[in-house]
Amino acid sequence: MMPKNMLQNIPGALPEELVEVLQTGDGVKIERIVSRGHASPKGFWYDQESHEWVLLLKGGATLLFEGKQNPIVLGPGDYLNIPAHTRHRVEWTDPKQETVWLAIHY
């Protein structure tokens, strides 16, 4: 068994956000998400069936929750829990560097 690194093996070109499923089982899915200037399409809101816990490992991002005026700004080390069916969107990710997320859906 060899360890892997969340901050390595990132493609040089990211025409779209990269979502990699790292592990699944017993109602849990763990993903690595890599963004570089990506955001949710205009008018699109995530409305997920499961809870999602996210940790920003590298880069920067802002999330907007439906009904809220101000987006939440995330930097390295910031995390939050998004309850199921809480409509949200990614407003911005840093276009100058990779934004690397760890997402746990449960």
C-alpha atoms as a PDB file:
ATOM      1  CA  MET A   1       0.000   0.000   0.000  1.00  0.00           C
ATOM      2  CA  MET A   2       1.484   3.348  -1.068  1.00  0.00           C
ATOM      3  CA  PRO A   3       0.414   6.741   0.294  1.00  0.00           C
ATOM      4  CA  LYS A   4      -0.983   9.357  -2.062  1.00  0.00           C
ATOM      5  CA  ASN A   5      -0.887  13.132  -1.764  1.00  0.00           C
ATOM      6  CA  MET A   6      -3.937  15.388  -2.227  1.00  0.00           C
ATOM      7  CA  LEU A   7      -1.759  18.187  -3.624  1.00  0.00           C
ATOM      8  CA  GLN A   8       0.091  16.158  -6.260  1.00  0.00           C
ATOM      9  CA  ASN A   9      -0.777  14.775  -9.697  1.00  0.00           C
ATOM     10  CA  ILE A  10      -2.875  17.797 -10.639  1.00  0.00           C
ATOM     11  CA  PRO A  11      -3.199  18.233 -14.413  1.00  0.00           C
ATOM     12  CA  GLY A  12      -1.587  21.348 -15.880  1.00  0.00           C
ATOM     13  CA  ALA A  13      -4.696  22.179 -17.893  1.00  0.00           C
ATOM     14  CA  LEU A  14      -8.108  22.139 -16.204  1.00  0.00           C
ATOM     15  CA  PRO A  15     -10.725  23.026 -18.829  1.00  0.00           C
ATOM     16  CA  GLU A  16     -13.339  21.992 -16.268  1.00  0.00           C
ATOM     17  CA  GLU A  17     -13.331  21.289 -12.564  1.00  0.00           C
ATOM     18  CA  LEU A  18     -11.731  17.935 -11.692  1.00  0.00           C
ATOM     19  CA  VAL A  19     -13.716  15.667  -9.358  1.00  0.00           C
ATOM     20  CA  GLU A  20     -12.070  12.428  -8.258  1.00  0.00           C
ATOM     21  CA  VAL A  21     -13.805   9.882  -6.051  1.00  0.00           C
ATOM     22  CA  LEU A  22     -11.184   8.663  -3.588  1.00  0.00           C
ATOM     23  CA  GLN A  23     -13.275   6.262  -1.503  1.00  0.00           C
ATOM     24  CA  THR A  24     -16.856   5.085  -1.098  1.00  0.00           C
ATOM     25  CA  GLY A  25     -18.659   2.823   1.326  1.00  0.00           C
ATOM     26  CA  ASP A  26     -21.427   2.596   3.925  1.00  0.00           C
ATOM     27  CA  GLY A  27     -23.194   5.775   2.783  1.00  0.00           C
ATOM     28  CA  VAL A  28     -19.990   7.836   2.535  1.00  0.00           C
ATOM     29  CA  LYS A  29     -18.235   9.220  -0.546  1.00  0.00           C
ATOM     30  CA  ILE A  30     -14.887  11.034  -0.301  1.00  0.00           C
ATOM     31  CA  GLU A  31     -13.776  13.245  -3.182  1.00  0.00           C
ATOM     32  CA  ARG A  32     -10.854  15.411  -4.192  1.00  0.00           C
ATOM     33  CA  ILE A  33     -12.062  18.416  -6.168  1.00  0.00           C
ATOM     34  CA  VAL A  34      -9.620  20.657  -8.027  1.00  0.00           C
ATOM     35  CA  SER A  35     -10.729  24.035  -9.377  1.00  0.00           C
ATOM     36  CA  ARG A  36      -8.786  26.810 -11.118  1.00  0.00           C
ATOM     37  CA  GLY A  37     -11.037  29.764 -11.760  1.00  0.00           C
ATOM     38  CA  HIS A  38     -14.112  27.538 -11.968  1.00  0.00           C
ATOM     39  CA  ALA A  39     -17.493  28.557 -10.566  1.00  0.00           C
ATOM     40  CA  SER A  40     -21.052  27.272 -10.709  1.00  0.00           C
ATOM     41  CA  PRO A  41     -22.860  28.223 -13.919  1.00  0.00           C
ATOM     42  CA  LYS A  42     -25.043  31.317 -13.679  1.00  0.00           C
ATOM     43  CA  GLY A  43     -28.372  30.392 -12.065  1.00  0.00           C
ATOM     44  CA  PHE A  44     -27.180  26.903 -10.994  1.00  0.00           C
ATOM     45  CA  TRP A  45     -27.600  25.778  -7.371  1.00  0.00           C
ATOM     46  CA  TYR A  46     -26.385  22.541  -5.822  1.00  0.00           C
ATOM     47  CA  ASP A  47     -29.225  20.782  -3.981  1.00  0.00           C
ATOM     48  CA  GLN A  48     -27.712  17.529  -2.784  1.00  0.00           C
ATOM     49  CA  GLU A  49     -29.410  14.480  -1.301  1.00  0.00           C
ATOM     50  CA  SER A  50     -26.662  13.988   1.287  1.00  0.00           C
ATOM     51  CA  HIS A  51     -24.785  16.179   3.751  1.00  0.00           C
ATOM     52  CA  GLU A  52     -21.402  17.452   2.560  1.00  0.00           C
ATOM     53  CA  TRP A  53     -18.412  18.354   4.704  1.00  0.00           C
ATOM     54  CA  VAL A  54     -15.774  20.317   2.777  1.00  0.00           C
ATOM     55  CA  LEU A  55     -12.218  21.300   3.660  1.00  0.00           C
ATOM     56  CA  LEU A  56     -10.262  23.738   1.507  1.00  0.00           C
ATOM     57  CA  LEU A  57      -6.674  22.473   1.381  1.00  0.00           C
ATOM     58  CA  LYS A  58      -5.137  24.966  -1.059  1.00  0.00           C
ATOM     59  CA  GLY A  59      -6.206  28.069  -2.972  1.00  0.00           C
ATOM     60  CA  GLY A  60      -9.260  30.190  -2.332  1.00  0.00           C
ATOM     61  CA  ALA A  61     -12.993  30.081  -2.960  1.00  0.00           C
ATOM     62  CA  THR A  62     -16.298  31.713  -2.131  1.00  0.00           C
ATOM     63  CA  LEU A  63     -19.580  29.866  -1.597  1.00  0.00           C
ATOM     64  CA  LEU A  64     -23.012  31.476  -1.684  1.00  0.00           C
ATOM     65  CA  PHE A  65     -26.008  29.960   0.065  1.00  0.00           C
ATOM     66  CA  GLU A  66     -29.509  30.594  -1.259  1.00  0.00           C
ATOM     67  CA  GLY A  67     -31.224  33.430   0.574  1.00  0.00           C
ATOM     68  CA  LYS A  68     -27.959  34.887   1.889  1.00  0.00           C
ATOM     69  CA  GLN A  69     -26.551  38.199   0.660  1.00  0.00           C
ATOM     70  CA  ASN A  70     -22.872  37.649   1.399  1.00  0.00           C
ATOM     71  CA  PRO A  71     -20.770  34.744   0.178  1.00  0.00           C
ATOM     72  CA  ILE A  72     -18.580  32.755   2.565  1.00  0.00           C
ATOM     73  CA  VAL A  73     -14.881  33.214   1.842  1.00  0.00           C
ATOM     74  CA  LEU A  74     -12.727  30.101   2.269  1.00  0.00           C
ATOM     75  CA  GLY A  75      -8.944  29.849   2.483  1.00  0.00           C
ATOM     76  CA  PRO A  76      -6.551  26.991   3.226  1.00  0.00           C
ATOM     77  CA  GLY A  77      -7.628  25.100   6.340  1.00  0.00           C
ATOM     78  CA  ASP A  78     -11.213  26.407   6.332  1.00  0.00           C
ATOM     79  CA  TYR A  79     -13.991  23.825   6.468  1.00  0.00           C
ATOM     80  CA  LEU A  80     -17.748  23.727   6.800  1.00  0.00           C
ATOM     81  CA  ASN A  81     -20.663  21.334   6.829  1.00  0.00           C
ATOM     82  CA  ILE A  82     -23.414  21.763   4.251  1.00  0.00           C
ATOM     83  CA  PRO A  83     -26.626  19.994   5.333  1.00  0.00           C
ATOM     84  CA  ALA A  84     -28.537  18.001   2.707  1.00  0.00           C
ATOM     85  CA  HIS A  85     -30.816  20.138   0.507  1.00  0.00           C
ATOM     86  CA  THR A  86     -29.083  23.372   1.481  1.00  0.00           C
ATOM     87  CA  ARG A  87     -28.947  25.131  -1.871  1.00  0.00           C
ATOM     88  CA  HIS A  88     -25.534  26.614  -2.563  1.00  0.00           C
ATOM     89  CA  ARG A  89     -23.180  27.516  -5.358  1.00  0.00           C
ATOM     90  CA  VAL A  90     -19.488  28.156  -5.910  1.00  0.00           C
ATOM     91  CA  GLU A  91     -19.234  31.854  -6.723  1.00  0.00           C
ATOM     92  CA  TRP A  92     -15.474  32.000  -7.309  1.00  0.00           C
ATOM     93  CA  THR A  93     -12.249  30.019  -7.151  1.00  0.00           C
ATOM     94  CA  ASP A  94      -8.766  31.470  -7.528  1.00  0.00           C
ATOM     95  CA  PRO A  95      -7.875  31.652 -11.235  1.00  0.00           C
ATOM     96  CA  LYS A  96      -4.121  31.935 -10.526  1.00  0.00           C
ATOM     97  CA  GLN A  97      -3.671  28.673  -8.633  1.00  0.00           C
ATOM     98  CA  GLU A  98      -5.359  25.369  -7.976  1.00  0.00           C
ATOM     99  CA  THR A  99      -8.051  25.295  -5.339  1.00  0.00           C
ATOM    100  CA  VAL A 100      -8.025  21.825  -3.813  1.00  0.00           C
ATOM    101  CA  TRP A 101     -11.016  20.621  -1.802  1.00  0.00           C
ATOM    102  CA  LEU A 102     -11.612  17.505   0.261  1.00  0.00           C
ATOM    103  CA  ALA A 103     -15.348  16.745   0.150  1.00  0.00           C
ATOM    104  CA  ILE A 104     -17.013  14.103   2.269  1.00  0.00           C
ATOM    105  CA  HIS A 105     -20.613  13.265   1.375  1.00  0.00           C
ATOM    106  CA  TYR A 106     -22.497  11.358   4.069  1.00  0.00           C
END
